[in-house]
Amino acid sequence: MTVSFDHALVLAGALFIMGIFCVVVRRNLIMMLLGLEIMLNAASIALVGAALKWHHVEGQAIALFIMAVAATEVSIGLAMIVGFYRRTDTVDPNALEEFK
């Protein structure tokens, strides 16, 4: 059973909107990072769906690169958030104003 391209795009669009909502509404750096991860996964789903529709492997290869970039982004972002939390005892992004 194969998933149609339309279903893959609907899923990717729904995930991307959820990710944007998580980044915009949440006032917690970890939840904002999670929203960015959801948006990257939505882009990967759209690329894999397009690769399946047009029978090209490039979309799947780019999705692998997106996963590598997402893993790097999470590790660096989480390290920065932990360092920020140790200095301020909060993960509120509004507290970043004093570090400018």
N, C-alpha and C. Protein backbone atom coordinates (compact mmCIF):
# COMPACT_ATOMS: atom_id res chain seq x y z
N MET A 1 0.85 -1.18 0.00
CA MET A 1 0.00 0.00 0.00
C MET A 1 0.89 1.24 0.00
N THR A 2 0.63 2.14 -0.91
CA THR A 2 1.39 3.38 -0.96
C THR A 2 0.49 4.54 -0.56
N VAL A 3 1.11 5.51 0.02
CA VAL A 3 0.40 6.71 0.45
C VAL A 3 0.41 7.68 -0.72
N SER A 4 -0.73 8.29 -0.98
CA SER A 4 -0.79 9.23 -2.10
C SER A 4 -0.05 10.52 -1.74
N PHE A 5 0.34 11.23 -2.78
CA PHE A 5 1.07 12.49 -2.61
C PHE A 5 0.22 13.52 -1.88
N ASP A 6 -1.08 13.52 -2.17
CA ASP A 6 -1.99 14.47 -1.51
C ASP A 6 -2.04 14.24 0.00
N HIS A 7 -2.09 12.97 0.39
CA HIS A 7 -2.13 12.66 1.82
C HIS A 7 -0.82 13.06 2.51
N ALA A 8 0.30 12.85 1.82
CA ALA A 8 1.59 13.23 2.39
C ALA A 8 1.67 14.74 2.56
N LEU A 9 1.17 15.50 1.57
CA LEU A 9 1.19 16.96 1.67
C LEU A 9 0.25 17.47 2.76
N VAL A 10 -0.90 16.84 2.90
CA VAL A 10 -1.82 17.25 3.97
C VAL A 10 -1.19 17.01 5.33
N LEU A 11 -0.57 15.84 5.51
CA LEU A 11 0.11 15.54 6.77
C LEU A 11 1.25 16.51 7.02
N ALA A 12 2.05 16.78 5.99
CA ALA A 12 3.17 17.71 6.15
C ALA A 12 2.68 19.12 6.48
N GLY A 13 1.61 19.55 5.82
CA GLY A 13 1.05 20.87 6.11
C GLY A 13 0.51 20.98 7.52
N ALA A 14 -0.19 19.93 7.97
CA ALA A 14 -0.73 19.94 9.33
C ALA A 14 0.39 19.97 10.36
N LEU A 15 1.44 19.17 10.14
CA LEU A 15 2.57 19.18 11.07
C LEU A 15 3.29 20.52 11.06
N PHE A 16 3.44 21.12 9.88
CA PHE A 16 4.12 22.41 9.81
C PHE A 16 3.33 23.48 10.55
N ILE A 17 2.02 23.47 10.41
CA ILE A 17 1.19 24.45 11.12
C ILE A 17 1.27 24.22 12.63
N MET A 18 1.28 22.96 13.06
CA MET A 18 1.44 22.68 14.49
C MET A 18 2.79 23.17 15.01
N GLY A 19 3.83 23.00 14.20
CA GLY A 19 5.16 23.48 14.59
C GLY A 19 5.20 24.99 14.71
N ILE A 20 4.62 25.68 13.74
CA ILE A 20 4.58 27.15 13.81
C ILE A 20 3.80 27.59 15.04
N PHE A 21 2.66 26.93 15.30
CA PHE A 21 1.86 27.27 16.47
C PHE A 21 2.67 27.07 17.75
N CYS A 22 3.42 25.99 17.82
CA CYS A 22 4.24 25.70 19.01
C CYS A 22 5.33 26.76 19.20
N VAL A 23 5.95 27.19 18.12
CA VAL A 23 7.02 28.19 18.22
C VAL A 23 6.46 29.55 18.61
N VAL A 24 5.33 29.93 18.05
CA VAL A 24 4.78 31.27 18.27
C VAL A 24 4.10 31.40 19.63
N VAL A 25 3.35 30.38 20.04
CA VAL A 25 2.52 30.51 21.24
C VAL A 25 3.29 30.19 22.52
N ARG A 26 4.16 29.20 22.49
CA ARG A 26 4.82 28.76 23.72
C ARG A 26 5.83 29.79 24.21
N ARG A 27 5.95 29.91 25.51
CA ARG A 27 6.93 30.80 26.12
C ARG A 27 7.96 29.97 26.87
N ASN A 28 8.45 28.94 26.23
CA ASN A 28 9.43 28.04 26.82
C ASN A 28 10.40 27.66 25.70
N LEU A 29 11.68 27.83 25.95
CA LEU A 29 12.67 27.59 24.90
C LEU A 29 12.68 26.14 24.44
N ILE A 30 12.47 25.21 25.33
CA ILE A 30 12.48 23.80 24.95
C ILE A 30 11.28 23.48 24.06
N MET A 31 10.12 24.02 24.36
CA MET A 31 8.96 23.80 23.51
C MET A 31 9.11 24.48 22.16
N MET A 32 9.79 25.61 22.12
CA MET A 32 10.06 26.26 20.85
C MET A 32 11.00 25.41 20.00
N LEU A 33 11.98 24.81 20.64
CA LEU A 33 12.90 23.91 19.93
C LEU A 33 12.15 22.69 19.40
N LEU A 34 11.20 22.18 20.17
CA LEU A 34 10.38 21.06 19.73
C LEU A 34 9.53 21.45 18.52
N GLY A 35 9.01 22.68 18.51
CA GLY A 35 8.24 23.16 17.37
C GLY A 35 9.09 23.24 16.10
N LEU A 36 10.35 23.66 16.25
CA LEU A 36 11.25 23.69 15.09
C LEU A 36 11.50 22.28 14.57
N GLU A 37 11.63 21.32 15.46
CA GLU A 37 11.82 19.94 15.04
C GLU A 37 10.61 19.42 14.29
N ILE A 38 9.43 19.77 14.74
CA ILE A 38 8.21 19.34 14.07
C ILE A 38 8.15 19.94 12.66
N MET A 39 8.56 21.20 12.51
CA MET A 39 8.57 21.81 11.18
C MET A 39 9.58 21.14 10.26
N LEU A 40 10.75 20.77 10.77
CA LEU A 40 11.73 20.07 9.95
C LEU A 40 11.22 18.69 9.53
N ASN A 41 10.53 18.01 10.43
CA ASN A 41 9.95 16.71 10.08
C ASN A 41 8.86 16.86 9.02
N ALA A 42 8.09 17.94 9.08
CA ALA A 42 7.07 18.18 8.07
C ALA A 42 7.71 18.38 6.70
N ALA A 43 8.81 19.11 6.65
CA ALA A 43 9.52 19.29 5.38
C ALA A 43 10.05 17.96 4.86
N SER A 44 10.52 17.11 5.75
CA SER A 44 11.02 15.79 5.34
C SER A 44 9.89 14.94 4.77
N ILE A 45 8.73 14.98 5.39
CA ILE A 45 7.60 14.20 4.89
C ILE A 45 7.18 14.68 3.51
N ALA A 46 7.17 15.99 3.31
CA ALA A 46 6.82 16.53 1.99
C ALA A 46 7.84 16.12 0.93
N LEU A 47 9.12 16.14 1.28
CA LEU A 47 10.15 15.73 0.31
C LEU A 47 10.07 14.25 -0.03
N VAL A 48 9.84 13.41 0.97
CA VAL A 48 9.73 11.97 0.72
C VAL A 48 8.47 11.69 -0.11
N GLY A 49 7.38 12.38 0.18
CA GLY A 49 6.16 12.21 -0.62
C GLY A 49 6.38 12.61 -2.07
N ALA A 50 7.09 13.70 -2.29
CA ALA A 50 7.39 14.14 -3.65
C ALA A 50 8.32 13.16 -4.34
N ALA A 51 9.28 12.62 -3.60
CA ALA A 51 10.20 11.64 -4.18
C ALA A 51 9.45 10.38 -4.60
N LEU A 52 8.46 9.97 -3.82
CA LEU A 52 7.68 8.79 -4.19
C LEU A 52 6.79 9.06 -5.39
N LYS A 53 6.27 10.27 -5.49
CA LYS A 53 5.38 10.58 -6.61
C LYS A 53 6.14 10.61 -7.93
N TRP A 54 7.30 11.26 -7.94
CA TRP A 54 8.03 11.43 -9.19
C TRP A 54 9.15 10.41 -9.36
N HIS A 55 9.22 9.43 -8.48
CA HIS A 55 10.17 8.32 -8.58
C HIS A 55 11.62 8.80 -8.67
N HIS A 56 11.96 9.75 -7.82
CA HIS A 56 13.34 10.23 -7.71
C HIS A 56 13.83 9.99 -6.29
N VAL A 57 15.10 9.74 -6.15
CA VAL A 57 15.68 9.44 -4.85
C VAL A 57 16.18 10.70 -4.16
N GLU A 58 16.27 11.80 -4.87
CA GLU A 58 16.84 13.01 -4.30
C GLU A 58 16.06 13.52 -3.10
N GLY A 59 14.75 13.41 -3.13
CA GLY A 59 13.94 13.86 -2.00
C GLY A 59 14.23 13.07 -0.74
N GLN A 60 14.44 11.78 -0.91
CA GLN A 60 14.75 10.95 0.24
C GLN A 60 16.16 11.23 0.76
N ALA A 61 17.08 11.53 -0.14
CA ALA A 61 18.44 11.86 0.28
C ALA A 61 18.46 13.18 1.04
N ILE A 62 17.70 14.16 0.56
CA ILE A 62 17.63 15.44 1.25
C ILE A 62 16.97 15.27 2.62
N ALA A 63 15.98 14.37 2.71
CA ALA A 63 15.34 14.11 4.00
C ALA A 63 16.35 13.54 5.00
N LEU A 64 17.28 12.72 4.53
CA LEU A 64 18.34 12.21 5.43
C LEU A 64 19.24 13.35 5.91
N PHE A 65 19.56 14.29 5.02
CA PHE A 65 20.35 15.45 5.43
C PHE A 65 19.58 16.31 6.43
N ILE A 66 18.28 16.44 6.23
CA ILE A 66 17.45 17.21 7.17
C ILE A 66 17.49 16.55 8.56
N MET A 67 17.44 15.23 8.60
CA MET A 67 17.51 14.55 9.90
C MET A 67 18.85 14.77 10.58
N ALA A 68 19.94 14.79 9.79
CA ALA A 68 21.26 15.06 10.37
C ALA A 68 21.34 16.48 10.90
N VAL A 69 20.81 17.44 10.14
CA VAL A 69 20.82 18.83 10.59
C VAL A 69 19.95 18.99 11.83
N ALA A 70 18.81 18.30 11.87
CA ALA A 70 17.92 18.38 13.03
C ALA A 70 18.59 17.83 14.28
N ALA A 71 19.33 16.73 14.14
CA ALA A 71 20.03 16.17 15.30
C ALA A 71 21.10 17.13 15.80
N THR A 72 21.81 17.75 14.88
CA THR A 72 22.83 18.74 15.27
C THR A 72 22.19 19.95 15.93
N GLU A 73 21.09 20.40 15.36
CA GLU A 73 20.39 21.57 15.91
C GLU A 73 19.89 21.29 17.32
N VAL A 74 19.38 20.11 17.55
CA VAL A 74 18.88 19.76 18.88
C VAL A 74 20.02 19.71 19.88
N SER A 75 21.12 19.10 19.51
CA SER A 75 22.22 18.98 20.48
C SER A 75 22.81 20.35 20.83
N ILE A 76 23.02 21.18 19.84
CA ILE A 76 23.56 22.52 20.11
C ILE A 76 22.54 23.39 20.83
N GLY A 77 21.29 23.34 20.37
CA GLY A 77 20.24 24.13 21.02
C GLY A 77 20.00 23.74 22.45
N LEU A 78 19.99 22.45 22.72
CA LEU A 78 19.78 21.99 24.08
C LEU A 78 20.94 22.37 24.98
N ALA A 79 22.17 22.31 24.46
CA ALA A 79 23.33 22.75 25.25
C ALA A 79 23.23 24.23 25.57
N MET A 80 22.80 25.03 24.60
CA MET A 80 22.64 26.47 24.86
C MET A 80 21.54 26.73 25.88
N ILE A 81 20.44 25.98 25.79
CA ILE A 81 19.34 26.17 26.74
C ILE A 81 19.77 25.77 28.15
N VAL A 82 20.53 24.68 28.28
CA VAL A 82 21.01 24.25 29.59
C VAL A 82 21.95 25.31 30.17
N GLY A 83 22.85 25.86 29.35
CA GLY A 83 23.73 26.93 29.82
C GLY A 83 22.97 28.17 30.22
N PHE A 84 21.94 28.51 29.44
CA PHE A 84 21.10 29.66 29.78
C PHE A 84 20.34 29.42 31.08
N TYR A 85 19.84 28.19 31.27
CA TYR A 85 19.10 27.87 32.49
C TYR A 85 20.00 27.93 33.72
N ARG A 86 21.25 27.51 33.56
CA ARG A 86 22.17 27.55 34.71
C ARG A 86 22.47 28.97 35.14
N ARG A 87 22.46 29.90 34.20
CA ARG A 87 22.75 31.30 34.56
C ARG A 87 21.53 32.05 35.08
N THR A 88 20.35 31.73 34.57
CA THR A 88 19.18 32.54 34.90
C THR A 88 18.10 31.80 35.68
N ASP A 89 18.19 30.47 35.80
CA ASP A 89 17.17 29.64 36.45
C ASP A 89 15.79 29.76 35.80
N THR A 90 15.76 30.02 34.50
CA THR A 90 14.51 30.08 33.75
C THR A 90 14.78 29.70 32.30
N VAL A 91 13.74 29.23 31.63
CA VAL A 91 13.83 28.96 30.20
C VAL A 91 12.88 29.85 29.42
N ASP A 92 12.54 30.98 30.00
CA ASP A 92 11.67 31.95 29.35
C ASP A 92 12.46 32.73 28.30
N PRO A 93 12.01 32.76 27.06
CA PRO A 93 12.77 33.47 26.02
C PRO A 93 12.83 34.98 26.24
N ASN A 94 11.91 35.54 27.02
CA ASN A 94 11.96 36.98 27.30
C ASN A 94 13.16 37.34 28.16
N ALA A 95 13.69 36.39 28.91
CA ALA A 95 14.86 36.63 29.74
C ALA A 95 16.13 36.73 28.92
N LEU A 96 16.08 36.42 27.63
CA LEU A 96 17.24 36.54 26.75
C LEU A 96 17.60 37.99 26.46
N GLU A 97 16.71 38.89 26.75
CA GLU A 97 16.94 40.32 26.48
C GLU A 97 18.21 40.83 27.19
N GLU A 98 18.50 40.33 28.37
CA GLU A 98 19.66 40.82 29.13
C GLU A 98 20.98 40.32 28.59
N PHE A 99 20.95 39.32 27.70
CA PHE A 99 22.19 38.79 27.13
C PHE A 99 22.59 39.47 25.83
N LYS A 100 21.81 40.41 25.36
CA LYS A 100 22.13 41.09 24.10
C LYS A 100 23.29 42.04 24.27
